[in-house]
Amino acid sequence: MNIDVIQVLLVDDDAGLRDLLRAFFQQRGIEFSVLHNANNLANRLALERPSIVILDVMMPGVDGLTALKNLRASGDDIPVIMLTALADDVDRVVGLELGADDFIGKPFTPLELFARIKAVLRHHSGRMPAAAPARQDIYWFGRFRLDLGARVLYCDDKRMKLPHASYALLEVFVTRPMEILSRGRLLDLLYGPDADITERGMDLSVWRLRRLLTEDPSQPCMIQTVRGVGYMFVPSEIEREDSP
């Protein structure tokens, strides 16, 4: 990755932090711009397409989580790192489920942020090689149909709305049926080895996905807990259909 082409947009109401990071990145020849709040983030991105957005959670007006939710709902998949002074891991989980690529807690050093930026951009650039053939795999399980090509889940032919992180977690499970996956393995598959999220946060993500998939709350979910180890996807039936 050539760091000379990185363009960073910081959205934060902290003037001191904006000045600190501007000086740090400009000294390294990296394009750096700022927004004082997230009220007009979508309009800014329509005019300027940075490599990555650094988005503070706590801001007056439109908060960071709401801004992120609006971005992902519009279909914008620009890389986003959230900044937060909150210690509660649940807030991090919410942000990741809304589509954040990473979280970093305040206070932090500019060097740490720079390392996170490079890691996220490497992850994005390596998601799918440009020459990779398109795939249209479809997985059926129970009343559900997961179309990996369209990244859509259907239940009885009705399209379901899934948060970004819930879809990613479902894809991991469905493509690995009957495989025991530890919490650490799930975290690595979903967010990479440097993800700032705990195993407790992973349990919350699984719980939320279970709620989306449970047809009858009185019956066991397809995502089974393997006590002391992790989870296993155990569908009643599963088929894979590969499009030509």
Protein backbone atom coordinates (compact mmCIF):
# COMPACT_ATOMS: atom_id res chain seq x y z
CA MET A 1 0.00 0.00 0.00
CA ASN A 2 1.33 3.42 -0.99
CA ILE A 3 0.72 5.76 1.96
CA ASP A 4 1.26 8.77 -0.29
CA VAL A 5 -2.21 8.30 -1.74
CA ILE A 6 -4.04 8.10 1.60
CA GLN A 7 -6.64 10.83 2.07
CA VAL A 8 -8.06 11.20 5.58
CA LEU A 9 -11.28 12.97 6.56
CA LEU A 10 -11.66 13.63 10.31
CA VAL A 11 -15.13 14.40 11.66
CA ASP A 12 -14.73 15.67 15.23
CA ASP A 13 -15.80 18.71 17.23
CA ASP A 14 -12.56 18.75 19.27
CA ALA A 15 -10.48 21.58 17.82
CA GLY A 16 -7.36 20.53 19.71
CA LEU A 17 -7.52 17.00 18.33
CA ARG A 18 -8.17 18.28 14.81
CA ASP A 19 -5.08 20.50 14.95
CA LEU A 20 -2.90 17.73 16.41
CA LEU A 21 -3.87 15.20 13.77
CA ARG A 22 -3.69 17.71 10.93
CA ALA A 23 -0.09 18.52 11.84
CA PHE A 24 0.81 14.83 12.23
CA PHE A 25 -0.58 13.73 8.86
CA GLN A 26 0.51 16.77 6.88
CA GLN A 27 4.07 16.29 8.14
CA ARG A 28 3.92 12.88 6.49
CA GLY A 29 2.59 14.22 3.22
CA ILE A 30 -0.87 12.72 3.72
CA GLU A 31 -3.92 14.67 2.59
CA PHE A 32 -5.98 15.59 5.63
CA SER A 33 -9.29 17.44 5.85
CA VAL A 34 -11.80 18.02 8.65
CA LEU A 35 -15.46 18.49 9.43
CA HIS A 36 -16.47 20.04 12.75
CA ASN A 37 -19.62 17.87 12.96
CA ALA A 38 -21.42 15.11 11.07
CA ASN A 39 -24.48 17.12 10.06
CA ASN A 40 -23.36 17.43 6.43
CA LEU A 41 -21.13 14.36 6.14
CA ALA A 42 -23.09 12.82 3.27
CA ASN A 43 -22.93 16.08 1.29
CA ARG A 44 -19.20 16.35 1.91
CA LEU A 45 -18.63 12.79 0.69
CA ALA A 46 -20.58 13.55 -2.45
CA LEU A 47 -17.97 16.22 -3.23
CA GLU A 48 -14.86 14.65 -1.71
CA ARG A 49 -13.98 10.94 -1.58
CA PRO A 50 -11.26 10.37 1.00
CA SER A 51 -9.60 7.00 1.50
CA ILE A 52 -11.08 6.75 4.99
CA VAL A 53 -13.32 8.65 7.42
CA ILE A 54 -12.35 9.06 11.09
CA LEU A 55 -15.66 9.65 12.86
CA ASP A 56 -16.14 10.71 16.47
CA VAL A 57 -19.04 9.10 18.35
CA MET A 58 -19.98 11.94 20.70
CA MET A 59 -20.76 15.16 18.81
CA PRO A 60 -23.51 17.79 19.02
CA GLY A 61 -26.25 17.51 16.43
CA VAL A 62 -25.87 14.28 14.47
CA ASP A 63 -23.78 11.86 16.56
CA GLY A 64 -21.25 9.54 15.01
CA LEU A 65 -23.31 6.35 15.25
CA THR A 66 -26.28 8.01 13.56
CA ALA A 67 -24.04 9.38 10.83
CA LEU A 68 -22.55 5.93 10.27
CA LYS A 69 -25.98 4.31 10.17
CA ASN A 70 -27.12 6.83 7.55
CA LEU A 71 -24.00 6.22 5.46
CA ARG A 72 -24.43 2.46 5.39
CA ALA A 73 -28.18 2.73 4.77
CA SER A 74 -27.39 4.78 1.66
CA GLY A 75 -25.10 2.02 0.41
CA ASP A 76 -21.86 3.92 1.03
CA ASP A 77 -19.17 1.43 2.09
CA ILE A 78 -16.33 3.93 2.57
CA PRO A 79 -13.94 2.74 5.34
CA VAL A 80 -14.79 4.27 8.72
CA ILE A 81 -12.89 4.24 12.02
CA MET A 82 -14.87 5.42 15.03
CA LEU A 83 -13.35 7.47 17.86
CA THR A 84 -14.90 7.08 21.29
CA ALA A 85 -14.27 8.11 24.86
CA LEU A 86 -16.81 5.53 26.02
CA ALA A 87 -15.48 2.46 27.79
CA ASP A 88 -18.61 0.30 27.35
CA ASP A 89 -17.91 -2.53 24.94
CA VAL A 90 -21.58 -2.57 23.92
CA ASP A 91 -21.13 0.79 22.19
CA ARG A 92 -18.28 -0.66 20.19
CA VAL A 93 -20.41 -3.63 19.20
CA VAL A 94 -23.22 -1.34 18.06
CA GLY A 95 -20.80 0.64 15.94
CA LEU A 96 -19.32 -2.48 14.36
CA GLU A 97 -22.79 -3.85 13.64
CA LEU A 98 -23.71 -0.57 11.96
CA GLY A 99 -20.74 -1.02 9.65
CA ALA A 100 -17.70 0.57 11.33
CA ASP A 101 -14.41 -0.98 10.27
CA ASP A 102 -12.64 -0.31 13.56
CA PHE A 103 -12.91 1.52 16.88
CA ILE A 104 -10.21 3.38 18.75
CA GLY A 105 -10.65 4.71 22.27
CA LYS A 106 -9.63 8.16 23.45
CA PRO A 107 -7.01 9.09 24.39
CA PHE A 108 -4.83 7.66 21.64
CA THR A 109 -1.60 8.60 19.90
CA PRO A 110 -1.51 9.74 16.27
CA LEU A 111 0.84 6.84 15.54
CA GLU A 112 -1.73 4.36 16.84
CA LEU A 113 -4.44 5.91 14.68
CA PHE A 114 -2.14 5.84 11.66
CA ALA A 115 -1.48 2.13 12.23
CA ARG A 116 -5.22 1.44 12.46
CA ILE A 117 -5.84 3.40 9.25
CA LYS A 118 -3.26 1.37 7.35
CA ALA A 119 -4.66 -1.90 8.71
CA VAL A 120 -8.23 -1.01 7.68
CA LEU A 121 -7.14 0.10 4.21
CA ARG A 122 -5.12 -3.09 3.73
CA HIS A 123 -8.20 -5.08 4.72
CA HIS A 124 -10.40 -3.20 2.25
CA SER A 125 -7.92 -3.48 -0.59
CA GLY A 126 -7.60 -7.22 0.00
CA ARG A 127 -11.30 -8.07 0.25
CA MET A 128 -11.61 -9.07 -3.39
CA PRO A 129 -8.92 -8.93 -6.08
CA ALA A 130 -9.99 -6.95 -9.14
CA ALA A 131 -9.57 -9.98 -11.38
CA ALA A 132 -11.54 -12.33 -9.15
CA PRO A 133 -14.51 -13.90 -10.93
CA ALA A 134 -17.96 -12.93 -9.73
CA ARG A 135 -19.73 -15.56 -7.67
CA GLN A 136 -23.45 -16.05 -7.26
CA ASP A 137 -23.54 -18.68 -4.54
CA ILE A 138 -26.91 -19.24 -2.90
CA TYR A 139 -27.33 -21.12 0.39
CA TRP A 140 -30.67 -22.49 1.55
CA PHE A 141 -31.36 -23.39 5.19
CA GLY A 142 -34.83 -23.90 6.58
CA ARG A 143 -37.05 -21.03 5.42
CA PHE A 144 -34.04 -18.89 4.59
CA ARG A 145 -32.07 -18.23 1.42
CA LEU A 146 -28.74 -16.39 1.53
CA ASP A 147 -27.58 -14.93 -1.77
CA LEU A 148 -23.88 -14.21 -1.41
CA GLY A 149 -23.65 -12.56 -4.81
CA ALA A 150 -26.32 -9.99 -3.97
CA ARG A 151 -25.47 -10.01 -0.24
CA VAL A 152 -29.16 -10.47 0.61
CA LEU A 153 -31.00 -12.79 3.01
CA TYR A 154 -34.55 -13.92 2.23
CA CYS A 155 -37.10 -15.61 4.45
CA ASP A 156 -39.93 -17.24 2.50
CA ASP A 157 -38.87 -15.09 -0.48
CA LYS A 158 -39.21 -11.91 1.59
CA ARG A 159 -36.07 -9.83 1.72
CA MET A 160 -34.79 -9.25 5.24
CA LYS A 161 -32.94 -6.19 6.50
CA LEU A 162 -29.75 -7.13 8.31
CA PRO A 163 -27.21 -4.83 9.93
CA HIS A 164 -23.82 -4.94 8.21
CA ALA A 165 -22.15 -6.90 11.00
CA SER A 166 -25.04 -9.38 11.34
CA TYR A 167 -24.83 -10.19 7.63
CA ALA A 168 -21.06 -10.72 7.85
CA LEU A 169 -21.48 -13.02 10.85
CA LEU A 170 -24.23 -14.99 9.11
CA GLU A 171 -22.04 -15.46 6.05
CA VAL A 172 -19.27 -16.87 8.24
CA PHE A 173 -21.64 -19.37 9.85
CA VAL A 174 -23.52 -20.42 6.72
CA THR A 175 -20.36 -21.10 4.74
CA ARG A 176 -18.98 -23.21 7.61
CA PRO A 177 -21.89 -25.47 8.67
CA MET A 178 -21.23 -28.01 11.42
CA GLU A 179 -17.84 -26.40 12.16
CA ILE A 180 -17.07 -25.38 15.73
CA LEU A 181 -15.90 -21.77 15.72
CA SER A 182 -14.33 -20.29 18.82
CA ARG A 183 -15.07 -16.67 19.71
CA GLY A 184 -11.47 -15.77 18.90
CA ARG A 185 -11.77 -17.42 15.48
CA LEU A 186 -14.98 -15.52 14.75
CA LEU A 187 -13.38 -12.23 15.74
CA ASP A 188 -10.42 -12.95 13.48
CA LEU A 189 -12.63 -13.89 10.51
CA LEU A 190 -14.85 -10.84 10.91
CA TYR A 191 -12.57 -8.05 12.01
CA GLY A 192 -8.99 -9.25 11.74
CA PRO A 193 -6.42 -9.91 14.46
CA ASP A 194 -6.27 -6.30 15.67
CA ALA A 195 -9.99 -5.77 16.26
CA ASP A 196 -10.74 -3.74 19.36
CA ILE A 197 -13.67 -5.88 20.50
CA THR A 198 -13.86 -8.49 23.25
CA GLU A 199 -15.31 -11.98 23.30
CA ARG A 200 -18.23 -10.54 25.28
CA GLY A 201 -18.92 -8.33 22.33
CA MET A 202 -18.85 -11.37 20.05
CA ASP A 203 -21.45 -13.06 22.24
CA LEU A 204 -23.71 -10.02 21.85
CA SER A 205 -23.36 -10.15 18.06
CA VAL A 206 -24.30 -13.84 18.04
CA TRP A 207 -27.30 -13.17 20.28
CA ARG A 208 -28.56 -10.49 17.91
CA LEU A 209 -28.16 -12.74 14.88
CA ARG A 210 -30.03 -15.52 16.67
CA ARG A 211 -32.98 -13.19 17.21
CA LEU A 212 -33.11 -12.52 13.47
CA LEU A 213 -33.05 -16.22 12.57
CA THR A 214 -35.26 -17.73 15.26
CA GLU A 215 -38.51 -18.90 13.71
CA ASP A 216 -39.94 -20.13 17.01
CA PRO A 217 -38.42 -18.76 20.24
CA SER A 218 -39.37 -22.03 22.00
CA GLN A 219 -37.17 -24.05 19.63
CA PRO A 220 -33.36 -24.13 19.61
CA CYS A 221 -31.71 -21.74 17.19
CA MET A 222 -29.59 -22.93 14.29
CA ILE A 223 -26.60 -21.26 15.93
CA GLN A 224 -25.73 -23.63 18.76
CA THR A 225 -23.49 -22.84 21.72
CA VAL A 226 -20.66 -25.31 22.24
CA ARG A 227 -20.07 -24.92 25.94
CA GLY A 228 -16.60 -23.68 26.79
CA VAL A 229 -15.55 -23.50 23.14
CA GLY A 230 -17.70 -21.27 20.94
CA TYR A 231 -20.51 -21.72 18.41
CA MET A 232 -21.60 -24.03 15.61
CA PHE A 233 -24.08 -23.47 12.80
CA VAL A 234 -26.46 -26.45 12.73
CA PRO A 235 -29.18 -25.88 10.13
CA SER A 236 -31.98 -28.42 9.79
CA GLU A 237 -31.08 -28.63 6.12
CA ILE A 238 -28.71 -26.75 3.88
CA GLU A 239 -28.08 -26.69 0.18
CA ARG A 240 -25.64 -24.71 -1.89
CA GLU A 241 -26.50 -23.56 -5.36
CA ASP A 242 -23.67 -22.27 -7.54
CA SER A 243 -24.59 -20.14 -10.47
CA PRO A 244 -22.65 -20.77 -13.67
